[in-house]
Amino acid sequence: MSDAEALLARFTQFYTTLDAARLVDLPDVYHRDIHFIDPVGEHQGLSSLEAYFQRLISKLNTCCFTLTDIQHHDQQVSVCWQMAYAHPRLRRGALLRLEGISLLRFTEQRIIYQRDYYDMGAMLYEHIPLIGGVILQLKKRLQA
């Protein structure tokens, strides 16, 4: 198994069931100088990323990822994924799903850069009473 394959195996294992207990594995996956960007914010360094994950995980009933496609070229990887998550204040705690893609760069057998792309409306806004209905109506109008 190559270094890249080993790292991707650790990445997959980490995200398969993302919970507080899994955060001890963060240094096995991410470089100490990780630059992590997603639609919520930007985080520089392992401690910042760990604090961000702790905040997110503490608010969720469950969070797990299914990696649907991985494309690897040199020191870069693109990962298509589906996240299943449940938040007690969204849709009465029902399990929700979100698709996204992560672009990864790695060095020293760790991820040094990750940028996640996903629809923040589909993740959050569409599930908030009143706001969600307005957003869904806007989407329907744009599609017509």
C-alpha atoms as a PDB file:
ATOM      1  CA  MET A   1       0.000   0.000   0.000  1.00  0.00           C
ATOM      2  CA  SER A   2       1.409   3.394  -0.992  1.00  0.00           C
ATOM      3  CA  ASP A   3       1.629   6.334   1.431  1.00  0.00           C
ATOM      4  CA  ALA A   4      -1.260   8.033  -0.377  1.00  0.00           C
ATOM      5  CA  GLU A   5      -3.415   4.904  -0.161  1.00  0.00           C
ATOM      6  CA  ALA A   6      -2.647   4.559   3.547  1.00  0.00           C
ATOM      7  CA  LEU A   7      -3.596   8.200   4.159  1.00  0.00           C
ATOM      8  CA  LEU A   8      -6.841   7.809   2.211  1.00  0.00           C
ATOM      9  CA  ALA A   9      -7.654   4.695   4.242  1.00  0.00           C
ATOM     10  CA  ARG A  10      -7.158   6.695   7.480  1.00  0.00           C
ATOM     11  CA  PHE A  11      -9.253   9.564   6.050  1.00  0.00           C
ATOM     12  CA  THR A  12     -12.056   7.144   5.136  1.00  0.00           C
ATOM     13  CA  GLN A  13     -11.936   5.495   8.567  1.00  0.00           C
ATOM     14  CA  PHE A  14     -12.028   8.891  10.303  1.00  0.00           C
ATOM     15  CA  TYR A  15     -15.118  10.102   8.447  1.00  0.00           C
ATOM     16  CA  THR A  16     -17.064   6.834   8.369  1.00  0.00           C
ATOM     17  CA  THR A  17     -18.420   7.625  11.832  1.00  0.00           C
ATOM     18  CA  LEU A  18     -17.467  11.117  12.907  1.00  0.00           C
ATOM     19  CA  ASP A  19     -17.918  11.505  16.661  1.00  0.00           C
ATOM     20  CA  ALA A  20     -16.066  12.982  19.644  1.00  0.00           C
ATOM     21  CA  ALA A  21     -14.156   9.747  20.281  1.00  0.00           C
ATOM     22  CA  ARG A  22     -12.781   9.846  16.736  1.00  0.00           C
ATOM     23  CA  LEU A  23     -11.132  13.268  17.247  1.00  0.00           C
ATOM     24  CA  VAL A  24      -8.094  11.634  18.884  1.00  0.00           C
ATOM     25  CA  ASP A  25      -7.276  10.353  15.376  1.00  0.00           C
ATOM     26  CA  LEU A  26      -7.129  13.876  13.904  1.00  0.00           C
ATOM     27  CA  PRO A  27      -3.278  14.039  14.010  1.00  0.00           C
ATOM     28  CA  ASP A  28      -3.100  10.743  12.087  1.00  0.00           C
ATOM     29  CA  VAL A  29      -5.060  12.284   9.213  1.00  0.00           C
ATOM     30  CA  TYR A  30      -4.304  16.012   9.251  1.00  0.00           C
ATOM     31  CA  HIS A  31      -0.984  17.859   9.175  1.00  0.00           C
ATOM     32  CA  ARG A  32      -0.293  20.215  12.100  1.00  0.00           C
ATOM     33  CA  ASP A  33      -0.470  23.131   9.605  1.00  0.00           C
ATOM     34  CA  ILE A  34      -3.771  22.069   8.020  1.00  0.00           C
ATOM     35  CA  HIS A  35      -5.654  24.775   6.109  1.00  0.00           C
ATOM     36  CA  PHE A  36      -9.316  23.733   6.171  1.00  0.00           C
ATOM     37  CA  ILE A  37     -12.024  25.677   4.326  1.00  0.00           C
ATOM     38  CA  ASP A  38     -15.744  24.984   4.073  1.00  0.00           C
ATOM     39  CA  PRO A  39     -18.870  27.127   3.558  1.00  0.00           C
ATOM     40  CA  VAL A  40     -19.042  27.753   7.323  1.00  0.00           C
ATOM     41  CA  GLY A  41     -15.515  29.084   7.759  1.00  0.00           C
ATOM     42  CA  GLU A  42     -11.773  28.746   7.484  1.00  0.00           C
ATOM     43  CA  HIS A  43      -9.433  27.103   9.990  1.00  0.00           C
ATOM     44  CA  GLN A  44      -5.657  27.180  10.151  1.00  0.00           C
ATOM     45  CA  GLY A  45      -3.801  24.598  12.211  1.00  0.00           C
ATOM     46  CA  LEU A  46      -4.710  21.326  13.853  1.00  0.00           C
ATOM     47  CA  SER A  47      -5.927  22.838  17.138  1.00  0.00           C
ATOM     48  CA  SER A  48      -8.302  25.199  15.304  1.00  0.00           C
ATOM     49  CA  LEU A  49      -9.682  22.320  13.235  1.00  0.00           C
ATOM     50  CA  GLU A  50     -10.124  20.146  16.321  1.00  0.00           C
ATOM     51  CA  ALA A  51     -12.031  22.923  18.138  1.00  0.00           C
ATOM     52  CA  TYR A  52     -14.252  23.400  15.068  1.00  0.00           C
ATOM     53  CA  PHE A  53     -15.042  19.680  14.842  1.00  0.00           C
ATOM     54  CA  GLN A  54     -15.741  19.505  18.590  1.00  0.00           C
ATOM     55  CA  ARG A  55     -18.275  22.343  18.303  1.00  0.00           C
ATOM     56  CA  LEU A  56     -19.988  20.740  15.311  1.00  0.00           C
ATOM     57  CA  ILE A  57     -20.081  17.230  16.725  1.00  0.00           C
ATOM     58  CA  SER A  58     -21.400  18.375  20.104  1.00  0.00           C
ATOM     59  CA  LYS A  59     -24.518  19.754  18.379  1.00  0.00           C
ATOM     60  CA  LEU A  60     -25.299  16.668  16.295  1.00  0.00           C
ATOM     61  CA  ASN A  61     -27.050  13.460  17.275  1.00  0.00           C
ATOM     62  CA  THR A  62     -25.162  11.598  14.564  1.00  0.00           C
ATOM     63  CA  CYS A  63     -22.783  12.304  11.698  1.00  0.00           C
ATOM     64  CA  CYS A  64     -21.281   9.859   9.233  1.00  0.00           C
ATOM     65  CA  PHE A  65     -19.973   9.991   5.700  1.00  0.00           C
ATOM     66  CA  THR A  66     -20.132   7.638   2.763  1.00  0.00           C
ATOM     67  CA  LEU A  67     -17.339   8.315   0.290  1.00  0.00           C
ATOM     68  CA  THR A  68     -18.812   7.742  -3.150  1.00  0.00           C
ATOM     69  CA  ASP A  69     -15.810   8.499  -5.379  1.00  0.00           C
ATOM     70  CA  ILE A  70     -12.111   9.182  -4.847  1.00  0.00           C
ATOM     71  CA  GLN A  71      -9.858  10.539  -7.593  1.00  0.00           C
ATOM     72  CA  HIS A  72      -6.151  10.700  -6.832  1.00  0.00           C
ATOM     73  CA  HIS A  73      -3.472  12.469  -8.849  1.00  0.00           C
ATOM     74  CA  ASP A  74       0.021  13.147  -7.494  1.00  0.00           C
ATOM     75  CA  GLN A  75      -0.370  14.984  -4.162  1.00  0.00           C
ATOM     76  CA  GLN A  76      -4.031  15.927  -4.729  1.00  0.00           C
ATOM     77  CA  VAL A  77      -7.269  14.061  -4.184  1.00  0.00           C
ATOM     78  CA  SER A  78     -10.918  14.831  -4.854  1.00  0.00           C
ATOM     79  CA  VAL A  79     -13.459  13.014  -2.724  1.00  0.00           C
ATOM     80  CA  CYS A  80     -17.189  12.932  -3.457  1.00  0.00           C
ATOM     81  CA  TRP A  81     -19.216  12.155  -0.370  1.00  0.00           C
ATOM     82  CA  GLN A  82     -22.639  11.932   1.181  1.00  0.00           C
ATOM     83  CA  MET A  83     -23.052  13.027   4.778  1.00  0.00           C
ATOM     84  CA  ALA A  84     -25.853  11.623   6.931  1.00  0.00           C
ATOM     85  CA  TYR A  85     -26.503  13.766   9.983  1.00  0.00           C
ATOM     86  CA  ALA A  86     -29.159  14.506  12.567  1.00  0.00           C
ATOM     87  CA  HIS A  87     -29.512  17.710  14.561  1.00  0.00           C
ATOM     88  CA  PRO A  88     -32.171  17.862  17.283  1.00  0.00           C
ATOM     89  CA  ARG A  89     -33.493  21.214  16.009  1.00  0.00           C
ATOM     90  CA  LEU A  90     -33.642  20.357  12.300  1.00  0.00           C
ATOM     91  CA  ARG A  91     -36.653  18.375  11.069  1.00  0.00           C
ATOM     92  CA  ARG A  92     -37.241  17.160  14.641  1.00  0.00           C
ATOM     93  CA  GLY A  93     -33.967  15.270  14.710  1.00  0.00           C
ATOM     94  CA  ALA A  94     -34.651  13.288  11.527  1.00  0.00           C
ATOM     95  CA  LEU A  95     -31.710  11.876   9.616  1.00  0.00           C
ATOM     96  CA  LEU A  96     -30.785  14.286   6.809  1.00  0.00           C
ATOM     97  CA  ARG A  97     -28.444  13.780   3.862  1.00  0.00           C
ATOM     98  CA  LEU A  98     -26.115  16.148   2.074  1.00  0.00           C
ATOM     99  CA  GLU A  99     -23.819  15.600  -0.900  1.00  0.00           C
ATOM    100  CA  GLY A 100     -20.527  17.380  -1.307  1.00  0.00           C
ATOM    101  CA  ILE A 101     -16.977  17.202  -2.543  1.00  0.00           C
ATOM    102  CA  SER A 102     -13.650  17.730  -0.799  1.00  0.00           C
ATOM    103  CA  LEU A 103     -10.426  18.738  -2.489  1.00  0.00           C
ATOM    104  CA  LEU A 104      -7.384  17.521  -0.573  1.00  0.00           C
ATOM    105  CA  ARG A 105      -3.657  18.140  -0.797  1.00  0.00           C
ATOM    106  CA  PHE A 106      -1.205  16.221   1.292  1.00  0.00           C
ATOM    107  CA  THR A 107       2.375  16.294   2.434  1.00  0.00           C
ATOM    108  CA  GLU A 108       4.334  14.185   4.920  1.00  0.00           C
ATOM    109  CA  GLN A 109       1.569  11.541   4.776  1.00  0.00           C
ATOM    110  CA  ARG A 110      -0.985  14.006   6.209  1.00  0.00           C
ATOM    111  CA  ILE A 111      -3.617  16.291   4.700  1.00  0.00           C
ATOM    112  CA  ILE A 112      -2.277  19.861   4.630  1.00  0.00           C
ATOM    113  CA  TYR A 113      -5.177  21.463   2.718  1.00  0.00           C
ATOM    114  CA  GLN A 114      -8.865  20.613   2.517  1.00  0.00           C
ATOM    115  CA  ARG A 115     -11.598  22.604   0.832  1.00  0.00           C
ATOM    116  CA  ASP A 116     -15.152  21.327   1.125  1.00  0.00           C
ATOM    117  CA  TYR A 117     -17.892  22.306  -1.296  1.00  0.00           C
ATOM    118  CA  TYR A 118     -21.549  21.725  -0.461  1.00  0.00           C
ATOM    119  CA  ASP A 119     -24.902  23.493  -0.534  1.00  0.00           C
ATOM    120  CA  MET A 120     -25.320  25.308   2.783  1.00  0.00           C
ATOM    121  CA  GLY A 121     -29.019  25.795   2.010  1.00  0.00           C
ATOM    122  CA  ALA A 122     -29.553  22.050   1.623  1.00  0.00           C
ATOM    123  CA  MET A 123     -27.580  21.413   4.809  1.00  0.00           C
ATOM    124  CA  LEU A 124     -29.192  23.959   7.074  1.00  0.00           C
ATOM    125  CA  TYR A 125     -31.395  26.769   5.773  1.00  0.00           C
ATOM    126  CA  GLU A 126     -33.979  24.597   3.996  1.00  0.00           C
ATOM    127  CA  HIS A 127     -34.692  22.782   7.265  1.00  0.00           C
ATOM    128  CA  ILE A 128     -35.409  25.877   9.371  1.00  0.00           C
ATOM    129  CA  PRO A 129     -39.135  26.670   9.744  1.00  0.00           C
ATOM    130  CA  LEU A 130     -40.304  29.675   7.689  1.00  0.00           C
ATOM    131  CA  ILE A 131     -36.876  30.314   6.141  1.00  0.00           C
ATOM    132  CA  GLY A 132     -36.801  26.827   4.639  1.00  0.00           C
ATOM    133  CA  GLY A 133     -40.119  27.305   2.879  1.00  0.00           C
ATOM    134  CA  VAL A 134     -38.995  30.602   1.373  1.00  0.00           C
ATOM    135  CA  ILE A 135     -35.733  29.089   0.120  1.00  0.00           C
ATOM    136  CA  LEU A 136     -37.515  26.115  -1.436  1.00  0.00           C
ATOM    137  CA  GLN A 137     -39.984  28.444  -3.198  1.00  0.00           C
ATOM    138  CA  LEU A 138     -37.103  30.519  -4.566  1.00  0.00           C
ATOM    139  CA  LYS A 139     -35.423  27.376  -5.876  1.00  0.00           C
ATOM    140  CA  LYS A 140     -38.634  26.293  -7.613  1.00  0.00           C
ATOM    141  CA  ARG A 141     -38.996  29.699  -9.269  1.00  0.00           C
ATOM    142  CA  LEU A 142     -35.412  29.632 -10.496  1.00  0.00           C
ATOM    143  CA  GLN A 143     -35.901  26.160 -11.963  1.00  0.00           C
ATOM    144  CA  ALA A 144     -39.102  27.132 -13.832  1.00  0.00           C
END
